[in-house]
């Protein structure tokens, strides 16, 4: 093999190595972006799409299929172990107790089985349907990685707004984005709102389901 051929092969090997490095860097920054608050906000069924039905198990142990409509709905994905849920779900509870169901239906979804739905309902005293996803895969269907995560669904069954709801201010923003300014105004200011601290890692604003699964933690 001539010196030219050797240099040609070496050049191609160098190009392949550089391409691999570029792909690794792209993947790294993609994962970093997904792990930020901004990245989490891009999760979920996109606004404008039809909201899927939720197959789950009620806190009473009954199989349930929840479907959107005919009234608007606030669908909250939470967990009994989710620390930010302790901030936001009391506001959801007060909203559900104040607003008639025909104006806004509120439904809470958690991972796990029936006992998880029971713990969610009892811990936060939620006067709304509390569903455990069981084998229904609601978290995957709605593309939710972190809780608390909310969706506002219109009368037409389409997602009006979605986003992380780790504090009262974000719950208000969610309702406002759906055009429900009056309901948004009913969500009381929360002491933990404070000033924004910029983009934060997922582990700070919410319950990271994937991280717990990697560690073998189940509910």
N, C-alpha and C. Protein backbone atom coordinates (compact mmCIF):
# COMPACT_ATOMS: atom_id res chain seq x y z
N UNK A 1 0.86 -1.20 0.00
CA UNK A 1 0.00 0.00 0.00
C UNK A 1 0.89 1.25 0.00
N UNK A 2 0.58 2.17 -0.89
CA UNK A 2 1.39 3.37 -1.02
C UNK A 2 1.13 4.33 0.14
N UNK A 3 2.04 5.30 0.28
CA UNK A 3 1.89 6.29 1.34
C UNK A 3 0.61 7.09 1.16
N UNK A 4 0.25 7.33 -0.12
CA UNK A 4 -0.98 8.08 -0.40
C UNK A 4 -2.20 7.31 0.09
N UNK A 5 -2.25 6.01 -0.19
CA UNK A 5 -3.38 5.19 0.24
C UNK A 5 -3.48 5.13 1.77
N UNK A 6 -2.32 5.01 2.43
CA UNK A 6 -2.30 4.98 3.89
C UNK A 6 -2.86 6.27 4.46
N UNK A 7 -2.42 7.41 3.89
CA UNK A 7 -2.90 8.71 4.38
C UNK A 7 -4.39 8.88 4.10
N UNK A 8 -4.85 8.33 2.96
CA UNK A 8 -6.27 8.41 2.61
C UNK A 8 -7.12 7.64 3.62
N UNK A 9 -6.69 6.41 3.95
CA UNK A 9 -7.41 5.60 4.93
C UNK A 9 -7.38 6.27 6.29
N UNK A 10 -6.23 6.81 6.67
CA UNK A 10 -6.11 7.49 7.96
C UNK A 10 -7.04 8.69 8.04
N UNK A 11 -7.15 9.41 6.91
CA UNK A 11 -8.02 10.59 6.88
C UNK A 11 -9.47 10.19 7.11
N UNK A 12 -9.90 9.09 6.47
CA UNK A 12 -11.27 8.64 6.64
C UNK A 12 -11.53 8.15 8.07
N UNK A 13 -10.57 7.49 8.65
CA UNK A 13 -10.70 7.07 10.04
C UNK A 13 -10.85 8.28 10.96
N UNK A 14 -10.08 9.32 10.67
CA UNK A 14 -10.16 10.55 11.46
C UNK A 14 -11.53 11.19 11.32
N UNK A 15 -12.07 11.18 10.10
CA UNK A 15 -13.40 11.75 9.86
C UNK A 15 -14.45 10.97 10.64
N UNK A 16 -14.36 9.64 10.64
CA UNK A 16 -15.33 8.82 11.37
C UNK A 16 -15.26 9.06 12.87
N UNK A 17 -14.02 9.19 13.38
CA UNK A 17 -13.86 9.47 14.81
C UNK A 17 -14.47 10.82 15.16
N UNK A 18 -14.23 11.82 14.33
CA UNK A 18 -14.79 13.16 14.59
C UNK A 18 -16.32 13.13 14.52
N UNK A 19 -16.86 12.36 13.56
CA UNK A 19 -18.31 12.26 13.45
C UNK A 19 -18.91 11.62 14.71
N UNK A 20 -18.23 10.58 15.23
CA UNK A 20 -18.69 9.93 16.44
C UNK A 20 -18.66 10.89 17.62
N UNK A 21 -17.61 11.71 17.71
CA UNK A 21 -17.50 12.69 18.80
C UNK A 21 -18.61 13.73 18.71
N UNK A 22 -18.91 14.16 17.50
CA UNK A 22 -19.99 15.13 17.30
C UNK A 22 -21.33 14.55 17.75
N UNK A 23 -21.58 13.28 17.40
CA UNK A 23 -22.83 12.63 17.81
C UNK A 23 -22.92 12.51 19.33
N UNK A 24 -21.79 12.19 19.96
CA UNK A 24 -21.78 12.09 21.43
C UNK A 24 -22.07 13.44 22.07
N UNK A 25 -21.47 14.50 21.52
CA UNK A 25 -21.72 15.84 22.06
C UNK A 25 -23.17 16.25 21.86
N UNK A 26 -23.72 15.93 20.69
CA UNK A 26 -25.12 16.25 20.40
C UNK A 26 -26.05 15.55 21.39
N UNK A 27 -25.75 14.25 21.64
CA UNK A 27 -26.57 13.49 22.58
C UNK A 27 -26.45 14.07 23.99
N UNK A 28 -25.23 14.45 24.37
CA UNK A 28 -25.02 15.00 25.71
C UNK A 28 -25.82 16.27 25.92
N UNK A 29 -25.72 17.20 24.97
CA UNK A 29 -26.44 18.47 25.13
C UNK A 29 -27.94 18.28 24.99
N UNK A 30 -28.35 17.26 24.22
CA UNK A 30 -29.77 16.95 24.13
C UNK A 30 -30.31 16.46 25.46
N UNK A 31 -29.55 15.59 26.14
CA UNK A 31 -29.96 15.10 27.45
C UNK A 31 -29.98 16.22 28.48
N UNK A 32 -28.99 17.11 28.41
CA UNK A 32 -28.97 18.25 29.34
C UNK A 32 -30.20 19.12 29.14
N UNK A 33 -30.55 19.36 27.86
CA UNK A 33 -31.73 20.17 27.56
C UNK A 33 -32.99 19.51 28.09
N UNK A 34 -33.11 18.17 27.90
CA UNK A 34 -34.29 17.46 28.39
C UNK A 34 -34.38 17.52 29.90
N UNK A 35 -33.23 17.63 30.57
CA UNK A 35 -33.22 17.63 32.02
C UNK A 35 -33.41 18.98 32.66
N UNK A 36 -33.65 20.02 31.87
CA UNK A 36 -33.89 21.34 32.43
C UNK A 36 -35.39 21.60 32.53
N UNK A 37 -35.73 22.63 33.28
CA UNK A 37 -37.14 23.01 33.41
C UNK A 37 -37.74 23.31 32.05
N UNK A 38 -36.96 24.00 31.19
CA UNK A 38 -37.45 24.33 29.85
C UNK A 38 -37.70 23.06 29.05
N UNK A 39 -36.80 22.08 29.22
CA UNK A 39 -36.98 20.82 28.51
C UNK A 39 -38.21 20.07 28.97
N UNK A 40 -38.45 20.06 30.28
CA UNK A 40 -39.62 19.37 30.82
C UNK A 40 -40.90 20.01 30.32
N UNK A 41 -40.90 21.32 30.15
CA UNK A 41 -42.10 22.01 29.67
C UNK A 41 -42.49 21.58 28.27
N UNK A 42 -41.54 21.02 27.53
CA UNK A 42 -41.85 20.54 26.18
C UNK A 42 -42.43 19.13 26.20
N UNK A 43 -42.45 18.49 27.37
CA UNK A 43 -43.04 17.15 27.49
C UNK A 43 -44.56 17.23 27.29
N UNK A 44 -45.16 16.06 27.22
CA UNK A 44 -46.62 16.01 27.19
C UNK A 44 -47.22 15.99 25.80
N UNK A 45 -48.48 15.56 25.73
CA UNK A 45 -49.23 15.60 24.48
C UNK A 45 -49.29 17.06 24.01
N UNK A 46 -48.92 17.34 22.76
CA UNK A 46 -48.86 18.73 22.29
C UNK A 46 -50.21 19.44 22.35
N UNK A 47 -50.15 20.74 22.56
CA UNK A 47 -51.35 21.58 22.56
C UNK A 47 -52.02 21.48 21.19
N UNK A 48 -53.33 21.31 21.21
CA UNK A 48 -54.09 21.20 19.97
C UNK A 48 -54.43 19.78 19.58
N UNK A 49 -53.69 18.80 20.14
CA UNK A 49 -53.98 17.40 19.83
C UNK A 49 -55.11 16.89 20.72
N UNK A 50 -55.78 15.85 20.24
CA UNK A 50 -56.83 15.22 21.03
C UNK A 50 -56.21 14.54 22.25
N UNK A 51 -56.80 14.75 23.40
CA UNK A 51 -56.30 14.12 24.63
C UNK A 51 -56.73 12.66 24.67
N UNK A 52 -55.79 11.74 24.89
CA UNK A 52 -56.15 10.32 24.93
C UNK A 52 -56.98 9.98 26.17
N UNK A 53 -57.67 8.86 26.10
CA UNK A 53 -58.37 8.34 27.27
C UNK A 53 -57.33 7.83 28.27
N UNK A 54 -57.70 7.85 29.55
CA UNK A 54 -56.83 7.35 30.61
C UNK A 54 -57.40 6.03 31.13
N UNK A 55 -56.63 4.97 30.99
CA UNK A 55 -57.03 3.68 31.53
C UNK A 55 -56.35 3.50 32.87
N UNK A 56 -57.14 3.32 33.93
CA UNK A 56 -56.53 3.23 35.25
C UNK A 56 -57.40 2.47 36.24
N UNK A 57 -56.98 2.57 37.49
CA UNK A 57 -57.69 1.91 38.59
C UNK A 57 -58.05 2.99 39.61
N UNK A 58 -59.30 3.03 40.01
CA UNK A 58 -59.73 4.04 40.98
C UNK A 58 -59.22 3.70 42.37
N UNK A 59 -59.34 4.68 43.27
CA UNK A 59 -58.94 4.44 44.66
C UNK A 59 -59.82 3.40 45.33
N UNK A 60 -60.97 3.10 44.71
CA UNK A 60 -61.87 2.06 45.22
C UNK A 60 -61.58 0.70 44.60
N UNK A 61 -60.54 0.63 43.78
CA UNK A 61 -60.13 -0.63 43.19
C UNK A 61 -60.86 -1.02 41.92
N UNK A 62 -61.64 -0.09 41.34
CA UNK A 62 -62.41 -0.39 40.14
C UNK A 62 -61.65 0.05 38.89
N UNK A 63 -61.66 -0.77 37.84
CA UNK A 63 -61.08 -0.34 36.56
C UNK A 63 -61.86 0.85 36.01
N UNK A 64 -61.16 1.85 35.56
CA UNK A 64 -61.80 3.08 35.09
C UNK A 64 -61.19 3.50 33.76
N UNK A 65 -62.05 3.94 32.85
CA UNK A 65 -61.59 4.58 31.61
C UNK A 65 -62.11 6.00 31.63
N UNK A 66 -61.19 6.95 31.81
CA UNK A 66 -61.61 8.36 31.80
C UNK A 66 -61.36 8.94 30.41
N UNK A 67 -62.40 9.58 29.87
CA UNK A 67 -62.28 10.22 28.57
C UNK A 67 -62.66 11.69 28.69
N UNK A 68 -62.00 12.58 27.93
CA UNK A 68 -62.31 14.01 27.98
C UNK A 68 -63.73 14.30 27.52
N UNK A 69 -64.28 15.42 28.05
CA UNK A 69 -65.56 15.93 27.62
C UNK A 69 -66.72 15.40 28.44
N UNK A 70 -67.87 16.11 28.36
CA UNK A 70 -68.08 17.31 27.53
C UNK A 70 -67.62 18.61 28.20
N UNK A 71 -67.30 18.55 29.51
CA UNK A 71 -66.87 19.77 30.20
C UNK A 71 -65.33 19.87 30.15
N UNK A 72 -64.78 21.09 30.28
CA UNK A 72 -63.32 21.24 30.35
C UNK A 72 -62.77 20.46 31.53
N UNK A 73 -61.52 20.06 31.42
CA UNK A 73 -60.93 19.23 32.47
C UNK A 73 -59.51 19.69 32.79
N UNK A 74 -59.15 19.54 34.06
CA UNK A 74 -57.78 19.73 34.52
C UNK A 74 -57.27 18.35 34.93
N UNK A 75 -56.32 17.84 34.17
CA UNK A 75 -55.75 16.52 34.42
C UNK A 75 -54.38 16.71 35.05
N UNK A 76 -54.24 16.26 36.30
CA UNK A 76 -52.99 16.45 37.04
C UNK A 76 -52.31 15.10 37.28
N UNK A 77 -51.07 15.00 36.82
CA UNK A 77 -50.26 13.81 37.11
C UNK A 77 -49.41 14.12 38.34
N UNK A 78 -49.59 13.30 39.39
CA UNK A 78 -48.87 13.54 40.63
C UNK A 78 -48.44 12.24 41.27
N UNK A 79 -47.93 12.35 42.49
CA UNK A 79 -47.49 11.18 43.23
C UNK A 79 -47.51 11.48 44.72
N UNK A 80 -47.84 10.50 45.55
CA UNK A 80 -47.78 10.72 47.00
C UNK A 80 -46.37 11.05 47.48
N UNK A 81 -45.35 10.60 46.74
CA UNK A 81 -43.96 10.85 47.14
C UNK A 81 -43.38 12.11 46.54
N UNK A 82 -44.14 12.81 45.73
CA UNK A 82 -43.66 13.99 45.01
C UNK A 82 -43.69 15.21 45.93
N UNK A 83 -42.50 15.74 46.27
CA UNK A 83 -42.44 16.88 47.19
C UNK A 83 -43.14 18.12 46.65
N UNK A 84 -42.92 18.50 45.36
CA UNK A 84 -43.64 19.68 44.85
C UNK A 84 -45.16 19.48 44.81
N UNK A 85 -45.62 18.21 44.77
CA UNK A 85 -47.06 17.97 44.80
C UNK A 85 -47.66 18.48 46.10
N UNK A 86 -46.86 18.47 47.17
CA UNK A 86 -47.34 18.95 48.46
C UNK A 86 -47.59 20.45 48.43
N UNK A 87 -46.97 21.13 47.49
CA UNK A 87 -47.20 22.57 47.33
C UNK A 87 -48.41 22.85 46.47
N UNK A 88 -48.56 22.09 45.37
CA UNK A 88 -49.58 22.42 44.38
C UNK A 88 -50.92 21.73 44.59
N UNK A 89 -50.91 20.48 45.04
CA UNK A 89 -52.18 19.75 45.14
C UNK A 89 -53.18 20.34 46.14
N UNK A 90 -52.72 20.99 47.22
CA UNK A 90 -53.71 21.70 48.05
C UNK A 90 -54.46 22.79 47.28
N UNK A 91 -53.77 23.45 46.35
CA UNK A 91 -54.44 24.45 45.51
C UNK A 91 -55.42 23.77 44.56
N UNK A 92 -55.04 22.62 44.03
CA UNK A 92 -55.93 21.86 43.15
C UNK A 92 -57.17 21.42 43.95
N UNK A 93 -56.96 21.00 45.18
CA UNK A 93 -58.07 20.58 46.04
C UNK A 93 -59.05 21.73 46.26
N UNK A 94 -58.52 22.92 46.60
CA UNK A 94 -59.40 24.06 46.84
C UNK A 94 -60.14 24.47 45.57
N UNK A 95 -59.45 24.37 44.43
CA UNK A 95 -60.07 24.71 43.15
C UNK A 95 -61.22 23.75 42.87
N UNK A 96 -60.99 22.45 43.11
CA UNK A 96 -62.02 21.45 42.84
C UNK A 96 -63.22 21.62 43.77
N UNK A 97 -62.98 22.07 45.00
CA UNK A 97 -64.06 22.26 45.96
C UNK A 97 -64.86 23.53 45.69
N UNK A 98 -64.25 24.46 44.95
CA UNK A 98 -64.89 25.75 44.70
C UNK A 98 -65.63 25.79 43.37
N UNK A 99 -65.04 25.17 42.36
CA UNK A 99 -65.57 25.27 41.00
C UNK A 99 -66.48 24.07 40.69
N UNK A 100 -67.70 24.30 40.21
CA UNK A 100 -68.59 23.20 39.85
C UNK A 100 -67.97 22.31 38.78
N UNK A 101 -68.28 21.03 38.82
CA UNK A 101 -67.69 20.08 37.89
C UNK A 101 -68.05 20.40 36.45
N UNK A 102 -69.24 20.99 36.22
CA UNK A 102 -69.62 21.31 34.85
C UNK A 102 -68.80 22.47 34.28
N UNK A 103 -68.13 23.21 35.17
CA UNK A 103 -67.24 24.29 34.72
C UNK A 103 -65.83 23.76 34.51
N UNK A 104 -65.37 22.91 35.42
CA UNK A 104 -64.04 22.31 35.30
C UNK A 104 -64.02 20.98 36.04
N UNK A 105 -63.79 19.91 35.31
CA UNK A 105 -63.63 18.60 35.93
C UNK A 105 -62.15 18.41 36.27
N UNK A 106 -61.87 17.98 37.48
CA UNK A 106 -60.49 17.76 37.92
C UNK A 106 -60.27 16.27 38.14
N UNK A 107 -59.18 15.76 37.56
CA UNK A 107 -58.84 14.34 37.69
C UNK A 107 -57.35 14.25 38.02
N UNK A 108 -57.01 13.42 39.00
CA UNK A 108 -55.61 13.21 39.38
C UNK A 108 -55.18 11.80 38.99
N UNK A 109 -53.97 11.71 38.45
CA UNK A 109 -53.44 10.41 38.00
C UNK A 109 -52.08 10.19 38.66
N UNK A 110 -51.87 8.98 39.17
CA UNK A 110 -50.58 8.64 39.75
C UNK A 110 -50.11 7.31 39.17
N UNK A 111 -48.82 7.03 39.29
CA UNK A 111 -48.33 5.74 38.84
C UNK A 111 -48.61 4.69 39.90
N UNK A 112 -48.31 3.44 39.57
CA UNK A 112 -48.52 2.38 40.54
C UNK A 112 -49.90 1.76 40.43
N UNK A 113 -50.34 1.11 41.52
CA UNK A 113 -51.61 0.43 41.51
C UNK A 113 -52.59 1.08 42.48
N UNK A 114 -53.63 0.37 42.83
CA UNK A 114 -54.73 0.93 43.61
C UNK A 114 -54.26 1.62 44.88
N UNK A 115 -53.28 1.03 45.59
CA UNK A 115 -52.84 1.63 46.86
C UNK A 115 -52.23 3.01 46.65
N UNK A 116 -51.61 3.23 45.48
CA UNK A 116 -51.05 4.55 45.19
C UNK A 116 -52.16 5.58 45.03
N UNK A 117 -53.26 5.20 44.38
CA UNK A 117 -54.41 6.10 44.23
C UNK A 117 -55.02 6.42 45.59
N UNK A 118 -55.08 5.42 46.46
CA UNK A 118 -55.62 5.63 47.80
C UNK A 118 -54.74 6.61 48.58
N UNK A 119 -53.42 6.40 48.52
CA UNK A 119 -52.50 7.28 49.24
C UNK A 119 -52.54 8.71 48.71
N UNK A 120 -52.67 8.85 47.39
CA UNK A 120 -52.74 10.19 46.80
C UNK A 120 -54.00 10.90 47.28
N UNK A 121 -55.13 10.19 47.25
CA UNK A 121 -56.40 10.79 47.67
C UNK A 121 -56.39 11.17 49.14
N UNK A 122 -55.88 10.25 49.98
CA UNK A 122 -55.93 10.50 51.42
C UNK A 122 -54.89 11.53 51.86
N UNK A 123 -53.71 11.48 51.27
CA UNK A 123 -52.66 12.40 51.69
C UNK A 123 -53.03 13.84 51.42
N UNK A 124 -53.66 14.08 50.25
CA UNK A 124 -53.99 15.46 49.86
C UNK A 124 -55.48 15.76 49.98
N UNK A 125 -56.26 14.78 50.52
CA UNK A 125 -57.70 14.97 50.72
C UNK A 125 -58.38 15.48 49.45
N UNK A 126 -58.11 14.79 48.36
CA UNK A 126 -58.62 15.25 47.06
C UNK A 126 -60.06 14.79 46.85
N UNK A 127 -60.99 15.73 46.62
CA UNK A 127 -62.39 15.38 46.38
C UNK A 127 -62.65 15.15 44.89
N UNK A 128 -61.70 14.53 44.20
CA UNK A 128 -61.79 14.33 42.75
C UNK A 128 -61.41 12.88 42.45
N UNK A 129 -61.75 12.39 41.26
CA UNK A 129 -61.31 11.04 40.89
C UNK A 129 -59.78 10.93 40.93
N UNK A 130 -59.28 9.95 41.67
CA UNK A 130 -57.84 9.69 41.75
C UNK A 130 -57.60 8.32 41.12
N UNK A 131 -56.84 8.29 40.05
CA UNK A 131 -56.62 7.06 39.30
C UNK A 131 -55.16 6.66 39.34
N UNK A 132 -54.91 5.38 39.56
CA UNK A 132 -53.57 4.82 39.41
C UNK A 132 -53.48 4.23 38.01
N UNK A 133 -52.35 4.42 37.36
CA UNK A 133 -52.26 3.98 35.97
C UNK A 133 -52.28 2.46 35.83
N UNK A 134 -51.88 1.72 36.89
CA UNK A 134 -51.88 0.26 36.79
C UNK A 134 -51.08 -0.17 35.58
N UNK A 135 -51.70 -0.97 34.72
CA UNK A 135 -51.03 -1.38 33.48
C UNK A 135 -51.48 -0.57 32.29
N UNK A 136 -52.23 0.51 32.56
CA UNK A 136 -52.79 1.30 31.45
C UNK A 136 -51.81 2.21 30.75
N UNK A 137 -50.69 2.50 31.41
CA UNK A 137 -49.65 3.31 30.77
C UNK A 137 -50.02 4.76 30.54
N UNK A 138 -50.77 5.36 31.47
CA UNK A 138 -51.20 6.76 31.29
C UNK A 138 -50.02 7.72 31.19
N UNK A 139 -48.98 7.50 31.99
CA UNK A 139 -47.82 8.39 31.95
C UNK A 139 -47.16 8.35 30.58
N UNK A 140 -47.03 7.17 30.02
CA UNK A 140 -46.42 7.03 28.69
C UNK A 140 -47.34 7.62 27.61
N UNK A 141 -48.63 7.35 27.73
CA UNK A 141 -49.59 7.85 26.74
C UNK A 141 -49.58 9.37 26.69
N UNK A 142 -49.49 10.00 27.86
CA UNK A 142 -49.49 11.47 27.92
C UNK A 142 -48.07 12.06 27.87
N UNK A 143 -47.06 11.18 27.79
CA UNK A 143 -45.65 11.60 27.66
C UNK A 143 -45.20 12.45 28.85
N UNK A 144 -45.50 11.95 30.04
CA UNK A 144 -45.16 12.66 31.27
C UNK A 144 -43.97 11.97 31.93
N UNK A 145 -42.90 12.74 32.19
CA UNK A 145 -41.71 12.21 32.87
C UNK A 145 -41.62 12.67 34.32
N UNK A 146 -42.13 13.86 34.58
CA UNK A 146 -41.92 14.51 35.87
C UNK A 146 -43.26 14.99 36.42
N UNK A 147 -43.45 14.83 37.72
CA UNK A 147 -44.67 15.34 38.34
C UNK A 147 -44.32 16.45 39.34
N UNK A 148 -45.29 17.34 39.63
CA UNK A 148 -46.65 17.39 39.09
C UNK A 148 -46.69 18.03 37.70
N UNK A 149 -47.41 17.41 36.80
CA UNK A 149 -47.54 17.90 35.42
C UNK A 149 -49.02 17.96 35.11
N UNK A 150 -49.44 19.08 34.53
CA UNK A 150 -50.87 19.28 34.29
C UNK A 150 -51.24 19.51 32.84
N UNK A 151 -52.48 19.15 32.52
CA UNK A 151 -53.06 19.40 31.20
C UNK A 151 -54.43 20.04 31.40
N UNK A 152 -54.73 21.06 30.62
CA UNK A 152 -56.09 21.59 30.56
C UNK A 152 -56.67 21.14 29.23
N UNK A 153 -57.79 20.47 29.30
CA UNK A 153 -58.43 19.88 28.12
C UNK A 153 -59.77 20.56 27.90
N UNK A 154 -60.00 21.01 26.69
CA UNK A 154 -61.23 21.74 26.37
C UNK A 154 -62.42 20.84 26.13
N UNK A 155 -63.58 21.48 25.90
CA UNK A 155 -64.82 20.73 25.64
C UNK A 155 -64.71 19.88 24.40
N UNK A 156 -63.84 20.28 23.48
CA UNK A 156 -63.68 19.52 22.24
C UNK A 156 -62.73 18.34 22.39
N UNK A 157 -62.21 18.15 23.62
CA UNK A 157 -61.32 17.02 23.86
C UNK A 157 -59.88 17.25 23.47
N UNK A 158 -59.55 18.49 23.11
CA UNK A 158 -58.18 18.80 22.70
C UNK A 158 -57.42 19.49 23.84
N UNK A 159 -56.12 19.27 23.87
CA UNK A 159 -55.27 19.88 24.89
C UNK A 159 -55.18 21.38 24.63
N UNK A 160 -55.59 22.17 25.61
CA UNK A 160 -55.51 23.63 25.50
C UNK A 160 -54.19 24.17 26.03
N UNK A 161 -53.69 23.54 27.10
CA UNK A 161 -52.44 23.99 27.72
C UNK A 161 -51.86 22.82 28.49
N UNK A 162 -50.54 22.86 28.69
CA UNK A 162 -49.87 21.80 29.43
C UNK A 162 -48.61 22.38 30.05
N UNK A 163 -48.10 21.70 31.07
CA UNK A 163 -46.84 22.16 31.65
C UNK A 163 -46.62 21.66 33.07
N UNK A 164 -45.40 21.83 33.50
CA UNK A 164 -45.01 21.48 34.87
C UNK A 164 -45.74 22.41 35.83
N UNK A 165 -46.29 21.85 36.90
CA UNK A 165 -47.05 22.65 37.88
C UNK A 165 -46.43 22.46 39.26
N UNK A 166 -45.17 22.82 39.41
CA UNK A 166 -44.49 22.57 40.67
C UNK A 166 -44.69 23.66 41.71
N UNK A 167 -45.51 24.67 41.38
CA UNK A 167 -45.84 25.73 42.34
C UNK A 167 -47.13 26.38 41.90
N UNK A 168 -47.73 27.15 42.81
CA UNK A 168 -49.02 27.76 42.52
C UNK A 168 -48.97 28.67 41.31
N UNK A 169 -47.88 29.40 41.15
CA UNK A 169 -47.75 30.32 40.02
C UNK A 169 -47.85 29.59 38.69
N UNK A 170 -47.26 28.39 38.64
CA UNK A 170 -47.30 27.63 37.39
C UNK A 170 -48.69 27.05 37.13
N UNK A 171 -49.42 26.74 38.18
CA UNK A 171 -50.81 26.30 38.00
C UNK A 171 -51.64 27.44 37.45
N UNK A 172 -51.42 28.65 37.97
CA UNK A 172 -52.12 29.82 37.44
C UNK A 172 -51.77 30.05 35.97
N UNK A 173 -50.48 29.93 35.64
CA UNK A 173 -50.04 30.11 34.25
C UNK A 173 -50.69 29.09 33.34
N UNK A 174 -50.82 27.86 33.82
CA UNK A 174 -51.44 26.80 33.02
C UNK A 174 -52.89 27.14 32.70
N UNK A 175 -53.63 27.56 33.72
CA UNK A 175 -55.04 27.92 33.51
C UNK A 175 -55.17 29.15 32.63
N UNK A 176 -54.30 30.12 32.81
CA UNK A 176 -54.34 31.33 31.99
C UNK A 176 -54.04 31.00 30.53
N UNK A 177 -53.06 30.12 30.31
CA UNK A 177 -52.70 29.74 28.95
C UNK A 177 -53.87 29.05 28.24
N UNK A 178 -54.76 28.44 29.03
CA UNK A 178 -55.94 27.78 28.46
C UNK A 178 -57.12 28.74 28.31
N UNK A 179 -56.89 30.01 28.63
CA UNK A 179 -57.95 31.01 28.52
C UNK A 179 -58.90 31.04 29.70
N UNK A 180 -58.49 30.42 30.81
CA UNK A 180 -59.34 30.37 32.00
C UNK A 180 -58.82 31.36 33.05
N UNK A 181 -58.84 32.61 32.70
CA UNK A 181 -58.26 33.63 33.57
C UNK A 181 -59.01 33.76 34.90
N UNK A 182 -60.32 33.59 34.86
CA UNK A 182 -61.09 33.69 36.11
C UNK A 182 -60.71 32.57 37.07
N UNK A 183 -60.56 31.37 36.54
CA UNK A 183 -60.16 30.25 37.38
C UNK A 183 -58.72 30.42 37.85
N UNK A 184 -57.88 30.96 36.98
CA UNK A 184 -56.49 31.19 37.36
C UNK A 184 -56.41 32.16 38.54
N UNK A 185 -57.29 33.15 38.55
CA UNK A 185 -57.31 34.12 39.63
C UNK A 185 -57.76 33.53 40.95
N UNK A 186 -58.38 32.35 40.90
CA UNK A 186 -58.85 31.71 42.13
C UNK A 186 -57.75 30.91 42.82
N UNK A 187 -56.63 30.70 42.12
CA UNK A 187 -55.51 29.99 42.72
C UNK A 187 -54.73 30.97 43.57
N UNK A 188 -54.74 30.78 44.88
CA UNK A 188 -54.13 31.73 45.81
C UNK A 188 -52.63 31.79 45.61
N UNK A 189 -52.07 32.95 45.92
CA UNK A 189 -50.62 33.09 45.90
C UNK A 189 -50.02 32.16 46.93
N UNK A 190 -48.86 31.64 46.60
CA UNK A 190 -48.22 30.65 47.47
C UNK A 190 -46.90 31.20 47.97
N UNK A 191 -46.60 30.99 49.25
CA UNK A 191 -45.38 31.52 49.83
C UNK A 191 -44.12 31.01 49.16
N UNK A 192 -44.23 29.81 48.56
CA UNK A 192 -43.05 29.21 47.96
C UNK A 192 -42.79 29.68 46.54
N UNK A 193 -43.70 30.54 46.01
CA UNK A 193 -43.51 30.99 44.63
C UNK A 193 -42.17 31.70 44.46
N UNK A 194 -42.00 32.81 45.17
CA UNK A 194 -40.73 33.53 45.15
C UNK A 194 -40.30 33.96 43.77
N UNK A 195 -39.08 34.41 43.68
CA UNK A 195 -38.54 34.83 42.39
C UNK A 195 -38.05 33.61 41.62
N UNK A 196 -38.11 33.73 40.31
CA UNK A 196 -37.60 32.65 39.47
C UNK A 196 -36.09 32.54 39.65
N UNK A 197 -35.61 31.31 39.70
CA UNK A 197 -34.18 31.10 39.85
C UNK A 197 -33.56 30.57 38.57
N UNK A 198 -34.20 30.86 37.43
CA UNK A 198 -33.66 30.44 36.16
C UNK A 198 -33.96 28.98 35.88
N UNK A 199 -33.31 28.46 34.87
CA UNK A 199 -33.52 27.08 34.47
C UNK A 199 -32.85 26.16 35.47
N UNK A 200 -33.61 25.18 35.96
CA UNK A 200 -33.11 24.26 36.97
C UNK A 200 -33.19 22.83 36.47
N UNK A 201 -32.50 21.93 37.11
CA UNK A 201 -32.52 20.53 36.72
C UNK A 201 -33.84 19.89 37.12
N UNK A 202 -34.23 18.84 36.41
CA UNK A 202 -35.49 18.16 36.67
C UNK A 202 -35.60 17.72 38.12
N UNK A 203 -34.51 17.22 38.70
CA UNK A 203 -34.57 16.69 40.06
C UNK A 203 -34.98 17.76 41.06
N UNK A 204 -34.82 19.06 40.72
CA UNK A 204 -35.24 20.11 41.65
C UNK A 204 -36.72 20.40 41.56
N UNK A 205 -37.30 20.65 40.33
CA UNK A 205 -38.70 21.04 40.31
C UNK A 205 -39.69 19.92 40.48
N UNK A 206 -39.34 18.69 40.30
CA UNK A 206 -40.38 17.68 40.37
C UNK A 206 -39.88 16.28 40.63
N UNK A 207 -40.83 15.37 40.63
CA UNK A 207 -40.59 13.96 40.88
C UNK A 207 -40.19 13.32 39.56
N UNK A 208 -38.97 12.83 39.46
CA UNK A 208 -38.47 12.25 38.22
C UNK A 208 -38.75 10.76 38.23
N UNK A 209 -39.74 10.34 37.46
CA UNK A 209 -40.15 8.94 37.45
C UNK A 209 -39.05 8.03 36.94
N UNK A 210 -38.38 8.44 35.85
CA UNK A 210 -37.34 7.60 35.26
C UNK A 210 -36.20 7.38 36.22
N UNK A 211 -35.83 8.44 36.97
CA UNK A 211 -34.72 8.33 37.91
C UNK A 211 -35.05 7.33 39.01
N UNK A 212 -36.29 7.33 39.51
CA UNK A 212 -36.68 6.41 40.56
C UNK A 212 -36.71 4.98 40.04
N UNK A 213 -37.13 4.79 38.77
CA UNK A 213 -37.16 3.46 38.20
C UNK A 213 -35.75 2.90 38.06
N UNK A 214 -34.78 3.77 37.70
CA UNK A 214 -33.40 3.32 37.58
C UNK A 214 -32.85 2.85 38.91
N UNK A 215 -33.31 3.49 40.01
CA UNK A 215 -32.84 3.13 41.35
C UNK A 215 -33.64 1.97 41.95
N UNK A 216 -34.67 1.51 41.20
CA UNK A 216 -35.46 0.39 41.69
C UNK A 216 -36.48 0.78 42.71
N UNK A 217 -36.86 2.08 42.76
CA UNK A 217 -37.87 2.54 43.71
C UNK A 217 -39.23 2.39 43.06
N UNK A 218 -40.16 1.74 43.73
CA UNK A 218 -41.51 1.55 43.18
C UNK A 218 -42.52 2.06 44.17
N UNK A 219 -43.73 2.32 43.67
CA UNK A 219 -44.82 2.76 44.54
C UNK A 219 -45.96 1.80 44.45
